[in-house]
């Protein structure tokens, strides 16, 4: 199944502050839930800690080399990008990469689709950002207004790559 990334990002490319989202938009949370439910989500250890529990109606995949995670239903721990790519071949739904920044970077060559919620703010005190140009080589073909001034764009790799 395809590897997709889903992210909310501010105008200055911020995605986090103190291990959490630096904003709260219920329409973004509802969109995330609607999009990822019934699928698998993959996150790094710090994102797992910030969420604090498995998200319901999704297979929660945690990518970590250094931490033990207590076994629980709906949670799978993988140790490498290669393991995750191989694991995704056996899923019946999509595998959504949900963060953090180093996990997005680690999967950059494997991602087939970006789902980007554009947050209409600049977050001056953010501490986690996406790199400038991370969507270079990608083209947006889909756009959805989800409320609260938020726009979601879906990007696919450009044909010229």
Foldseek 3Di string as FASTA:
>chain_A
DAEEEEAEAEPVQFGAAPLHGPDDDVLSVVVVCVVAACEEEEEEPSNCVSVPDDDPNYQYEYEDQPDDDDDDPSYHYDDAPVVVVVVQVPTPDYYYYYDDQVSCVRCLVRHFKYKYKYDHDDDPNGDGGHDPPSCPQWDWDDWDDRDPPIIITMIGGDPVD
